[in-house]
Amino acid sequence: MNIKNIKWKKLLIFGALGMIAGYAYYYFIGCVSGSCPLTSNPYLMTGYGLGAGLILGWSTKKKTDKEEK
């Protein structure tokens, strides 16, 4: 299996989990009164969850010459 395919699958999974976590935060903890601009909007919380998931899923490991071949 190609390493690039694994990287994109990992990002897709982390992004989806982040979106689910962001919406769950809005649904269970979010601001009821609507005065909180971030947590009272499901679209913003889902987007921020997606961003957080992508950041957590991003691979920071440097490739060596042996791994590239």
PDB file of N, CA and C in Angstrom:
ATOM      1  N   MET A   1       0.847  -1.183   0.000  1.00  0.00           N
ATOM      2  CA  MET A   1       0.000   0.000   0.000  1.00  0.00           C
ATOM      3  C   MET A   1       0.888   1.240   0.000  1.00  0.00           C
ATOM      4  N   ASN A   2       0.471   2.219  -0.731  1.00  0.00           N
ATOM      5  CA  ASN A   2       1.227   3.450  -0.876  1.00  0.00           C
ATOM      6  C   ASN A   2       1.116   4.313   0.388  1.00  0.00           C
ATOM      7  N   ILE A   3       2.213   4.940   0.781  1.00  0.00           N
ATOM      8  CA  ILE A   3       2.223   5.757   1.993  1.00  0.00           C
ATOM      9  C   ILE A   3       1.307   6.966   1.845  1.00  0.00           C
ATOM     10  N   LYS A   4       1.207   7.544   0.649  1.00  0.00           N
ATOM     11  CA  LYS A   4       0.342   8.709   0.452  1.00  0.00           C
ATOM     12  C   LYS A   4      -1.123   8.351   0.665  1.00  0.00           C
ATOM     13  N   ASN A   5      -1.525   7.145   0.272  1.00  0.00           N
ATOM     14  CA  ASN A   5      -2.901   6.714   0.491  1.00  0.00           C
ATOM     15  C   ASN A   5      -3.209   6.612   1.972  1.00  0.00           C
ATOM     16  N   ILE A   6      -2.278   6.096   2.737  1.00  0.00           N
ATOM     17  CA  ILE A   6      -2.459   5.968   4.175  1.00  0.00           C
ATOM     18  C   ILE A   6      -2.583   7.352   4.813  1.00  0.00           C
ATOM     19  N   LYS A   7      -1.768   8.293   4.348  1.00  0.00           N
ATOM     20  CA  LYS A   7      -1.801   9.651   4.894  1.00  0.00           C
ATOM     21  C   LYS A   7      -3.174  10.284   4.689  1.00  0.00           C
ATOM     22  N   TRP A   8      -3.731  10.161   3.485  1.00  0.00           N
ATOM     23  CA  TRP A   8      -5.027  10.774   3.200  1.00  0.00           C
ATOM     24  C   TRP A   8      -6.153  10.080   3.930  1.00  0.00           C
ATOM     25  N   LYS A   9      -6.061   8.770   4.080  1.00  0.00           N
ATOM     26  CA  LYS A   9      -7.093   8.048   4.828  1.00  0.00           C
ATOM     27  C   LYS A   9      -7.069   8.453   6.294  1.00  0.00           C
ATOM     28  N   LYS A  10      -5.870   8.616   6.833  1.00  0.00           N
ATOM     29  CA  LYS A  10      -5.731   9.029   8.224  1.00  0.00           C
ATOM     30  C   LYS A  10      -6.309  10.434   8.425  1.00  0.00           C
ATOM     31  N   LEU A  11      -6.012  11.355   7.497  1.00  0.00           N
ATOM     32  CA  LEU A  11      -6.566  12.703   7.597  1.00  0.00           C
ATOM     33  C   LEU A  11      -8.086  12.694   7.478  1.00  0.00           C
ATOM     34  N   LEU A  12      -8.610  11.856   6.606  1.00  0.00           N
ATOM     35  CA  LEU A  12     -10.054  11.759   6.439  1.00  0.00           C
ATOM     36  C   LEU A  12     -10.721  11.258   7.718  1.00  0.00           C
ATOM     37  N   ILE A  13     -10.134  10.252   8.327  1.00  0.00           N
ATOM     38  CA  ILE A  13     -10.697   9.700   9.565  1.00  0.00           C
ATOM     39  C   ILE A  13     -10.623  10.724  10.698  1.00  0.00           C
ATOM     40  N   PHE A  14      -9.474  11.364  10.867  1.00  0.00           N
ATOM     41  CA  PHE A  14      -9.338  12.359  11.932  1.00  0.00           C
ATOM     42  C   PHE A  14     -10.254  13.559  11.690  1.00  0.00           C
ATOM     43  N   GLY A  15     -10.400  13.960  10.428  1.00  0.00           N
ATOM     44  CA  GLY A  15     -11.294  15.071  10.109  1.00  0.00           C
ATOM     45  C   GLY A  15     -12.738  14.738  10.447  1.00  0.00           C
ATOM     46  N   ALA A  16     -13.169  13.521  10.086  1.00  0.00           N
ATOM     47  CA  ALA A  16     -14.541  13.102  10.387  1.00  0.00           C
ATOM     48  C   ALA A  16     -14.777  13.008  11.890  1.00  0.00           C
ATOM     49  N   LEU A  17     -13.807  12.456  12.607  1.00  0.00           N
ATOM     50  CA  LEU A  17     -13.939  12.377  14.068  1.00  0.00           C
ATOM     51  C   LEU A  17     -13.968  13.765  14.701  1.00  0.00           C
ATOM     52  N   GLY A  18     -13.178  14.685  14.164  1.00  0.00           N
ATOM     53  CA  GLY A  18     -13.183  16.059  14.664  1.00  0.00           C
ATOM     54  C   GLY A  18     -14.515  16.743  14.427  1.00  0.00           C
ATOM     55  N   MET A  19     -15.112  16.499  13.253  1.00  0.00           N
ATOM     56  CA  MET A  19     -16.424  17.080  12.969  1.00  0.00           C
ATOM     57  C   MET A  19     -17.489  16.525  13.920  1.00  0.00           C
ATOM     58  N   ILE A  20     -17.428  15.245  14.172  1.00  0.00           N
ATOM     59  CA  ILE A  20     -18.383  14.631  15.099  1.00  0.00           C
ATOM     60  C   ILE A  20     -18.195  15.192  16.497  1.00  0.00           C
ATOM     61  N   ALA A  21     -16.941  15.340  16.922  1.00  0.00           N
ATOM     62  CA  ALA A  21     -16.662  15.887  18.250  1.00  0.00           C
ATOM     63  C   ALA A  21     -17.095  17.350  18.353  1.00  0.00           C
ATOM     64  N   GLY A  22     -16.888  18.129  17.303  1.00  0.00           N
ATOM     65  CA  GLY A  22     -17.308  19.526  17.313  1.00  0.00           C
ATOM     66  C   GLY A  22     -18.814  19.661  17.403  1.00  0.00           C
ATOM     67  N   TYR A  23     -19.539  18.853  16.652  1.00  0.00           N
ATOM     68  CA  TYR A  23     -20.998  18.914  16.727  1.00  0.00           C
ATOM     69  C   TYR A  23     -21.491  18.408  18.082  1.00  0.00           C
ATOM     70  N   ALA A  24     -20.849  17.363  18.603  1.00  0.00           N
ATOM     71  CA  ALA A  24     -21.240  16.849  19.920  1.00  0.00           C
ATOM     72  C   ALA A  24     -21.013  17.912  21.001  1.00  0.00           C
ATOM     73  N   TYR A  25     -19.935  18.674  20.870  1.00  0.00           N
ATOM     74  CA  TYR A  25     -19.689  19.755  21.828  1.00  0.00           C
ATOM     75  C   TYR A  25     -20.802  20.792  21.736  1.00  0.00           C
ATOM     76  N   TYR A  26     -21.196  21.162  20.532  1.00  0.00           N
ATOM     77  CA  TYR A  26     -22.300  22.113  20.357  1.00  0.00           C
ATOM     78  C   TYR A  26     -23.585  21.555  20.964  1.00  0.00           C
ATOM     79  N   TYR A  27     -23.882  20.300  20.691  1.00  0.00           N
ATOM     80  CA  TYR A  27     -25.149  19.708  21.099  1.00  0.00           C
ATOM     81  C   TYR A  27     -25.250  19.526  22.611  1.00  0.00           C
ATOM     82  N   PHE A  28     -24.188  19.021  23.244  1.00  0.00           N
ATOM     83  CA  PHE A  28     -24.253  18.691  24.659  1.00  0.00           C
ATOM     84  C   PHE A  28     -23.796  19.825  25.573  1.00  0.00           C
ATOM     85  N   ILE A  29     -22.849  20.642  25.158  1.00  0.00           N
ATOM     86  CA  ILE A  29     -22.258  21.651  26.038  1.00  0.00           C
ATOM     87  C   ILE A  29     -22.561  23.063  25.567  1.00  0.00           C
ATOM     88  N   GLY A  30     -22.866  23.261  24.308  1.00  0.00           N
ATOM     89  CA  GLY A  30     -23.029  24.581  23.700  1.00  0.00           C
ATOM     90  C   GLY A  30     -23.873  25.553  24.503  1.00  0.00           C
ATOM     91  N   CYS A  31     -23.814  26.782  24.106  1.00  0.00           N
ATOM     92  CA  CYS A  31     -24.485  27.880  24.789  1.00  0.00           C
ATOM     93  C   CYS A  31     -25.990  27.846  24.483  1.00  0.00           C
ATOM     94  N   VAL A  32     -26.799  27.791  25.516  1.00  0.00           N
ATOM     95  CA  VAL A  32     -28.245  27.710  25.350  1.00  0.00           C
ATOM     96  C   VAL A  32     -28.846  29.072  24.997  1.00  0.00           C
ATOM     97  N   SER A  33     -28.318  30.129  25.576  1.00  0.00           N
ATOM     98  CA  SER A  33     -28.909  31.451  25.395  1.00  0.00           C
ATOM     99  C   SER A  33     -28.645  32.036  24.012  1.00  0.00           C
ATOM    100  N   GLY A  34     -27.654  31.545  23.314  1.00  0.00           N
ATOM    101  CA  GLY A  34     -27.329  32.061  21.989  1.00  0.00           C
ATOM    102  C   GLY A  34     -26.395  33.255  22.017  1.00  0.00           C
ATOM    103  N   SER A  35     -25.934  33.639  23.193  1.00  0.00           N
ATOM    104  CA  SER A  35     -25.052  34.799  23.290  1.00  0.00           C
ATOM    105  C   SER A  35     -23.586  34.453  23.048  1.00  0.00           C
ATOM    106  N   CYS A  36     -23.269  33.187  23.020  1.00  0.00           N
ATOM    107  CA  CYS A  36     -21.895  32.751  22.745  1.00  0.00           C
ATOM    108  C   CYS A  36     -21.755  32.568  21.233  1.00  0.00           C
ATOM    109  N   PRO A  37     -20.949  33.374  20.572  1.00  0.00           N
ATOM    110  CA  PRO A  37     -20.903  33.305  19.113  1.00  0.00           C
ATOM    111  C   PRO A  37     -20.320  32.003  18.567  1.00  0.00           C
ATOM    112  N   LEU A  38     -19.463  31.347  19.298  1.00  0.00           N
ATOM    113  CA  LEU A  38     -18.825  30.138  18.791  1.00  0.00           C
ATOM    114  C   LEU A  38     -19.643  28.893  19.099  1.00  0.00           C
ATOM    115  N   THR A  39     -19.995  28.704  20.352  1.00  0.00           N
ATOM    116  CA  THR A  39     -20.643  27.455  20.749  1.00  0.00           C
ATOM    117  C   THR A  39     -22.137  27.427  20.484  1.00  0.00           C
ATOM    118  N   SER A  40     -22.737  28.547  20.087  1.00  0.00           N
ATOM    119  CA  SER A  40     -24.172  28.534  19.799  1.00  0.00           C
ATOM    120  C   SER A  40     -24.460  28.263  18.321  1.00  0.00           C
ATOM    121  N   ASN A  41     -23.437  28.114  17.499  1.00  0.00           N
ATOM    122  CA  ASN A  41     -23.608  27.877  16.068  1.00  0.00           C
ATOM    123  C   ASN A  41     -23.068  26.487  15.716  1.00  0.00           C
ATOM    124  N   PRO A  42     -23.927  25.571  15.252  1.00  0.00           N
ATOM    125  CA  PRO A  42     -23.450  24.211  14.957  1.00  0.00           C
ATOM    126  C   PRO A  42     -22.464  24.160  13.791  1.00  0.00           C
ATOM    127  N   TYR A  43     -22.606  25.070  12.836  1.00  0.00           N
ATOM    128  CA  TYR A  43     -21.704  25.060  11.680  1.00  0.00           C
ATOM    129  C   TYR A  43     -20.291  25.490  12.072  1.00  0.00           C
ATOM    130  N   LEU A  44     -20.192  26.495  12.924  1.00  0.00           N
ATOM    131  CA  LEU A  44     -18.866  26.930  13.373  1.00  0.00           C
ATOM    132  C   LEU A  44     -18.191  25.860  14.223  1.00  0.00           C
ATOM    133  N   MET A  45     -18.941  25.245  15.123  1.00  0.00           N
ATOM    134  CA  MET A  45     -18.333  24.222  15.975  1.00  0.00           C
ATOM    135  C   MET A  45     -17.915  22.996  15.162  1.00  0.00           C
ATOM    136  N   THR A  46     -18.705  22.633  14.165  1.00  0.00           N
ATOM    137  CA  THR A  46     -18.328  21.511  13.309  1.00  0.00           C
ATOM    138  C   THR A  46     -17.075  21.843  12.510  1.00  0.00           C
ATOM    139  N   GLY A  47     -16.983  23.073  12.030  1.00  0.00           N
ATOM    140  CA  GLY A  47     -15.793  23.501  11.295  1.00  0.00           C
ATOM    141  C   GLY A  47     -14.552  23.539  12.160  1.00  0.00           C
ATOM    142  N   TYR A  48     -14.701  24.060  13.377  1.00  0.00           N
ATOM    143  CA  TYR A  48     -13.555  24.075  14.279  1.00  0.00           C
ATOM    144  C   TYR A  48     -13.151  22.660  14.686  1.00  0.00           C
ATOM    145  N   GLY A  49     -14.120  21.772  14.832  1.00  0.00           N
ATOM    146  CA  GLY A  49     -13.812  20.370  15.112  1.00  0.00           C
ATOM    147  C   GLY A  49     -13.063  19.729  13.958  1.00  0.00           C
ATOM    148  N   LEU A  50     -13.476  20.051  12.728  1.00  0.00           N
ATOM    149  CA  LEU A  50     -12.766  19.550  11.551  1.00  0.00           C
ATOM    150  C   LEU A  50     -11.330  20.039  11.546  1.00  0.00           C
ATOM    151  N   GLY A  51     -11.133  21.316  11.803  1.00  0.00           N
ATOM    152  CA  GLY A  51      -9.775  21.872  11.845  1.00  0.00           C
ATOM    153  C   GLY A  51      -8.913  21.219  12.914  1.00  0.00           C
ATOM    154  N   ALA A  52      -9.499  21.016  14.090  1.00  0.00           N
ATOM    155  CA  ALA A  52      -8.753  20.375  15.180  1.00  0.00           C
ATOM    156  C   ALA A  52      -8.410  18.929  14.825  1.00  0.00           C
ATOM    157  N   GLY A  53      -9.349  18.227  14.202  1.00  0.00           N
ATOM    158  CA  GLY A  53      -9.091  16.850  13.800  1.00  0.00           C
ATOM    159  C   GLY A  53      -7.993  16.749  12.757  1.00  0.00           C
ATOM    160  N   LEU A  54      -7.992  17.674  11.797  1.00  0.00           N
ATOM    161  CA  LEU A  54      -6.942  17.661  10.775  1.00  0.00           C
ATOM    162  C   LEU A  54      -5.581  17.989  11.374  1.00  0.00           C
ATOM    163  N   ILE A  55      -5.544  18.905  12.312  1.00  0.00           N
ATOM    164  CA  ILE A  55      -4.271  19.235  12.964  1.00  0.00           C
ATOM    165  C   ILE A  55      -3.756  18.033  13.744  1.00  0.00           C
ATOM    166  N   LEU A  56      -4.643  17.355  14.456  1.00  0.00           N
ATOM    167  CA  LEU A  56      -4.208  16.182  15.227  1.00  0.00           C
ATOM    168  C   LEU A  56      -3.801  15.017  14.329  1.00  0.00           C
ATOM    169  N   GLY A  57      -4.409  14.910  13.163  1.00  0.00           N
ATOM    170  CA  GLY A  57      -4.097  13.805  12.267  1.00  0.00           C
ATOM    171  C   GLY A  57      -2.928  14.056  11.347  1.00  0.00           C
ATOM    172  N   TRP A  58      -2.438  15.282  11.308  1.00  0.00           N
ATOM    173  CA  TRP A  58      -1.344  15.628  10.403  1.00  0.00           C
ATOM    174  C   TRP A  58      -0.063  14.940  10.852  1.00  0.00           C
ATOM    175  N   SER A  59       0.605  14.295   9.943  1.00  0.00           N
ATOM    176  CA  SER A  59       1.839  13.579  10.259  1.00  0.00           C
ATOM    177  C   SER A  59       3.005  14.555  10.281  1.00  0.00           C
ATOM    178  N   THR A  60       3.761  14.551  11.370  1.00  0.00           N
ATOM    179  CA  THR A  60       4.904  15.451  11.495  1.00  0.00           C
ATOM    180  C   THR A  60       6.221  14.700  11.399  1.00  0.00           C
ATOM    181  N   LYS A  61       6.154  13.406  11.176  1.00  0.00           N
ATOM    182  CA  LYS A  61       7.365  12.600  11.095  1.00  0.00           C
ATOM    183  C   LYS A  61       8.098  12.902   9.788  1.00  0.00           C
ATOM    184  N   LYS A  62       9.380  13.191   9.897  1.00  0.00           N
ATOM    185  CA  LYS A  62      10.212  13.454   8.723  1.00  0.00           C
ATOM    186  C   LYS A  62      10.576  12.136   8.044  1.00  0.00           C
ATOM    187  N   LYS A  63      10.525  12.132   6.726  1.00  0.00           N
ATOM    188  CA  LYS A  63      10.880  10.934   5.965  1.00  0.00           C
ATOM    189  C   LYS A  63      12.385  10.888   5.764  1.00  0.00           C
ATOM    190  N   THR A  64      12.934   9.701   5.912  1.00  0.00           N
ATOM    191  CA  THR A  64      14.337   9.508   5.644  1.00  0.00           C
ATOM    192  C   THR A  64      14.503   9.006   4.213  1.00  0.00           C
ATOM    193  N   ASP A  65      15.702   8.965   3.726  1.00  0.00           N
ATOM    194  CA  ASP A  65      15.965   8.503   2.366  1.00  0.00           C
ATOM    195  C   ASP A  65      15.545   7.039   2.182  1.00  0.00           C
ATOM    196  N   LYS A  66      15.707   6.224   3.215  1.00  0.00           N
ATOM    197  CA  LYS A  66      15.328   4.815   3.115  1.00  0.00           C
ATOM    198  C   LYS A  66      13.830   4.647   2.988  1.00  0.00           C
ATOM    199  N   GLU A  67      13.045   5.468   3.709  1.00  0.00           N
ATOM    200  CA  GLU A  67      11.588   5.351   3.665  1.00  0.00           C
ATOM    201  C   GLU A  67      11.017   5.792   2.337  1.00  0.00           C
ATOM    202  N   GLU A  68      11.674   6.720   1.658  1.00  0.00           N
ATOM    203  CA  GLU A  68      11.155   7.215   0.383  1.00  0.00           C
ATOM    204  C   GLU A  68      11.330   6.193  -0.728  1.00  0.00           C
ATOM    205  N   LYS A  69      12.317   5.310  -0.613  1.00  0.00           N
ATOM    206  CA  LYS A  69      12.576   4.290  -1.644  1.00  0.00           C
ATOM    207  C   LYS A  69      11.839   3.059  -1.331  1.00  0.00           C
TER     208      LYS A  69
END
